[in-house]
Amino acid sequence: MHMDISLILTVALAASFIVVVLVLVAIIIYQRWRIGDQNVFIERFIRQNEEQRQKLRKAGIL
């Protein structure tokens, strides 16, 4: 009986550890995906800003 309880506890702890690790990996992957999306928008903003700056220089405003 004592052996069964320790086996059950060991399996439960191992399963909960695996679930926690998988959740952390999923969070990391999700955050990297979000950061990648934000970088695309920032890159587009910087490119448009540079294009506007060049247009202003050609027009003699800057």
N, C-alpha and C. Protein backbone atom coordinates (compact mmCIF):
# COMPACT_ATOMS: atom_id res chain seq x y z
N MET A 1 0.82 -1.20 0.00
CA MET A 1 0.00 0.00 0.00
C MET A 1 0.86 1.26 0.00
N HIS A 2 1.90 1.27 0.83
CA HIS A 2 2.79 2.44 0.89
C HIS A 2 3.52 2.62 -0.44
N MET A 3 3.86 1.53 -1.09
CA MET A 3 4.56 1.58 -2.37
C MET A 3 3.66 2.17 -3.45
N ASP A 4 2.38 1.84 -3.40
CA ASP A 4 1.43 2.36 -4.38
C ASP A 4 1.28 3.88 -4.26
N ILE A 5 1.23 4.38 -3.04
CA ILE A 5 1.06 5.81 -2.82
C ILE A 5 2.29 6.57 -3.31
N SER A 6 3.48 6.06 -3.01
CA SER A 6 4.69 6.76 -3.45
C SER A 6 4.81 6.72 -4.98
N LEU A 7 4.39 5.63 -5.60
CA LEU A 7 4.41 5.54 -7.05
C LEU A 7 3.44 6.54 -7.66
N ILE A 8 2.25 6.63 -7.08
CA ILE A 8 1.25 7.57 -7.58
C ILE A 8 1.75 8.99 -7.43
N LEU A 9 2.35 9.33 -6.29
CA LEU A 9 2.88 10.67 -6.08
C LEU A 9 4.01 10.98 -7.05
N THR A 10 4.87 10.02 -7.27
CA THR A 10 5.98 10.23 -8.20
C THR A 10 5.47 10.48 -9.61
N VAL A 11 4.52 9.70 -10.05
CA VAL A 11 3.96 9.88 -11.39
C VAL A 11 3.22 11.21 -11.49
N ALA A 12 2.49 11.58 -10.45
CA ALA A 12 1.77 12.85 -10.45
C ALA A 12 2.74 14.02 -10.50
N LEU A 13 3.81 13.97 -9.71
CA LEU A 13 4.80 15.04 -9.73
C LEU A 13 5.50 15.13 -11.07
N ALA A 14 5.84 13.99 -11.65
CA ALA A 14 6.49 13.99 -12.96
C ALA A 14 5.55 14.57 -14.02
N ALA A 15 4.29 14.19 -13.97
CA ALA A 15 3.33 14.70 -14.95
C ALA A 15 3.14 16.20 -14.78
N SER A 16 3.05 16.67 -13.54
CA SER A 16 2.87 18.11 -13.34
C SER A 16 4.11 18.88 -13.77
N PHE A 17 5.30 18.32 -13.56
CA PHE A 17 6.54 18.96 -14.01
C PHE A 17 6.56 19.07 -15.53
N ILE A 18 6.16 18.00 -16.21
CA ILE A 18 6.13 18.02 -17.67
C ILE A 18 5.12 19.05 -18.18
N VAL A 19 3.97 19.14 -17.53
CA VAL A 19 2.96 20.12 -17.94
C VAL A 19 3.49 21.54 -17.75
N VAL A 20 4.16 21.80 -16.63
CA VAL A 20 4.71 23.14 -16.38
C VAL A 20 5.75 23.48 -17.44
N VAL A 21 6.63 22.55 -17.75
CA VAL A 21 7.66 22.79 -18.78
C VAL A 21 7.02 23.07 -20.13
N LEU A 22 6.01 22.29 -20.51
CA LEU A 22 5.34 22.51 -21.79
C LEU A 22 4.63 23.87 -21.83
N VAL A 23 4.03 24.28 -20.73
CA VAL A 23 3.38 25.59 -20.68
C VAL A 23 4.42 26.69 -20.84
N LEU A 24 5.56 26.56 -20.16
CA LEU A 24 6.61 27.57 -20.29
C LEU A 24 7.15 27.64 -21.72
N VAL A 25 7.32 26.50 -22.36
CA VAL A 25 7.78 26.49 -23.75
C VAL A 25 6.75 27.15 -24.65
N ALA A 26 5.47 26.88 -24.41
CA ALA A 26 4.42 27.51 -25.22
C ALA A 26 4.41 29.02 -25.02
N ILE A 27 4.61 29.48 -23.79
CA ILE A 27 4.65 30.92 -23.52
C ILE A 27 5.83 31.56 -24.25
N ILE A 28 6.99 30.91 -24.22
CA ILE A 28 8.17 31.45 -24.90
C ILE A 28 7.93 31.55 -26.39
N ILE A 29 7.36 30.51 -26.98
CA ILE A 29 7.10 30.52 -28.43
C ILE A 29 6.10 31.63 -28.77
N TYR A 30 5.05 31.78 -27.95
CA TYR A 30 4.05 32.82 -28.20
C TYR A 30 4.66 34.21 -28.10
N GLN A 31 5.49 34.44 -27.09
CA GLN A 31 6.12 35.76 -26.93
C GLN A 31 7.06 36.07 -28.09
N ARG A 32 7.82 35.08 -28.54
CA ARG A 32 8.71 35.30 -29.70
C ARG A 32 7.90 35.64 -30.94
N TRP A 33 6.75 34.99 -31.12
CA TRP A 33 5.88 35.27 -32.26
C TRP A 33 5.35 36.70 -32.18
N ARG A 34 4.91 37.13 -30.98
CA ARG A 34 4.40 38.50 -30.82
C ARG A 34 5.49 39.52 -31.06
N ILE A 35 6.68 39.28 -30.55
CA ILE A 35 7.78 40.22 -30.76
C ILE A 35 8.12 40.30 -32.24
N GLY A 36 8.09 39.17 -32.93
CA GLY A 36 8.34 39.16 -34.37
C GLY A 36 7.33 40.00 -35.13
N ASP A 37 6.05 39.90 -34.74
CA ASP A 37 5.01 40.72 -35.38
C ASP A 37 5.24 42.19 -35.11
N GLN A 38 5.61 42.53 -33.89
CA GLN A 38 5.85 43.93 -33.55
C GLN A 38 7.05 44.47 -34.32
N ASN A 39 8.07 43.64 -34.52
CA ASN A 39 9.24 44.08 -35.26
C ASN A 39 8.89 44.41 -36.71
N VAL A 40 7.96 43.66 -37.29
CA VAL A 40 7.54 43.94 -38.67
C VAL A 40 6.90 45.32 -38.75
N PHE A 41 6.04 45.66 -37.79
CA PHE A 41 5.38 46.97 -37.80
C PHE A 41 6.39 48.09 -37.56
N ILE A 42 7.34 47.86 -36.65
CA ILE A 42 8.37 48.88 -36.38
C ILE A 42 9.23 49.09 -37.61
N GLU A 43 9.60 48.00 -38.28
CA GLU A 43 10.42 48.10 -39.50
C GLU A 43 9.68 48.89 -40.57
N ARG A 44 8.39 48.61 -40.74
CA ARG A 44 7.58 49.33 -41.74
C ARG A 44 7.50 50.82 -41.38
N PHE A 45 7.31 51.14 -40.09
CA PHE A 45 7.23 52.52 -39.65
C PHE A 45 8.55 53.26 -39.94
N ILE A 46 9.67 52.61 -39.63
CA ILE A 46 10.98 53.24 -39.86
C ILE A 46 11.20 53.48 -41.35
N ARG A 47 10.85 52.50 -42.17
CA ARG A 47 11.01 52.65 -43.62
C ARG A 47 10.16 53.80 -44.15
N GLN A 48 8.91 53.89 -43.72
CA GLN A 48 8.04 54.98 -44.17
C GLN A 48 8.56 56.33 -43.68
N ASN A 49 9.09 56.35 -42.46
CA ASN A 49 9.65 57.58 -41.92
C ASN A 49 10.85 58.03 -42.76
N GLU A 50 11.70 57.10 -43.14
CA GLU A 50 12.87 57.43 -43.97
C GLU A 50 12.43 57.92 -45.35
N GLU A 51 11.39 57.29 -45.92
CA GLU A 51 10.88 57.73 -47.22
C GLU A 51 10.34 59.16 -47.13
N GLN A 52 9.61 59.46 -46.05
CA GLN A 52 9.10 60.81 -45.87
C GLN A 52 10.24 61.81 -45.71
N ARG A 53 11.27 61.44 -44.98
CA ARG A 53 12.42 62.31 -44.78
C ARG A 53 13.12 62.61 -46.11
N GLN A 54 13.23 61.58 -46.97
CA GLN A 54 13.86 61.78 -48.28
C GLN A 54 13.00 62.70 -49.16
N LYS A 55 11.69 62.54 -49.10
CA LYS A 55 10.80 63.41 -49.86
C LYS A 55 10.93 64.86 -49.39
N LEU A 56 11.04 65.06 -48.07
CA LEU A 56 11.20 66.41 -47.54
C LEU A 56 12.54 67.01 -47.96
N ARG A 57 13.57 66.20 -48.00
CA ARG A 57 14.89 66.69 -48.44
C ARG A 57 14.85 67.10 -49.92
N LYS A 58 14.17 66.28 -50.75
CA LYS A 58 14.08 66.60 -52.18
C LYS A 58 13.27 67.88 -52.37
N ALA A 59 12.28 68.10 -51.51
CA ALA A 59 11.46 69.30 -51.62
C ALA A 59 12.17 70.52 -51.04
N GLY A 60 13.29 70.33 -50.38
CA GLY A 60 14.06 71.44 -49.83
C GLY A 60 13.56 71.90 -48.47
N ILE A 61 12.73 71.11 -47.82
CA ILE A 61 12.19 71.50 -46.51
C ILE A 61 13.20 71.16 -45.41
N LEU A 62 13.90 70.07 -45.56
CA LEU A 62 14.91 69.69 -44.56
C LEU A 62 16.30 70.00 -45.05
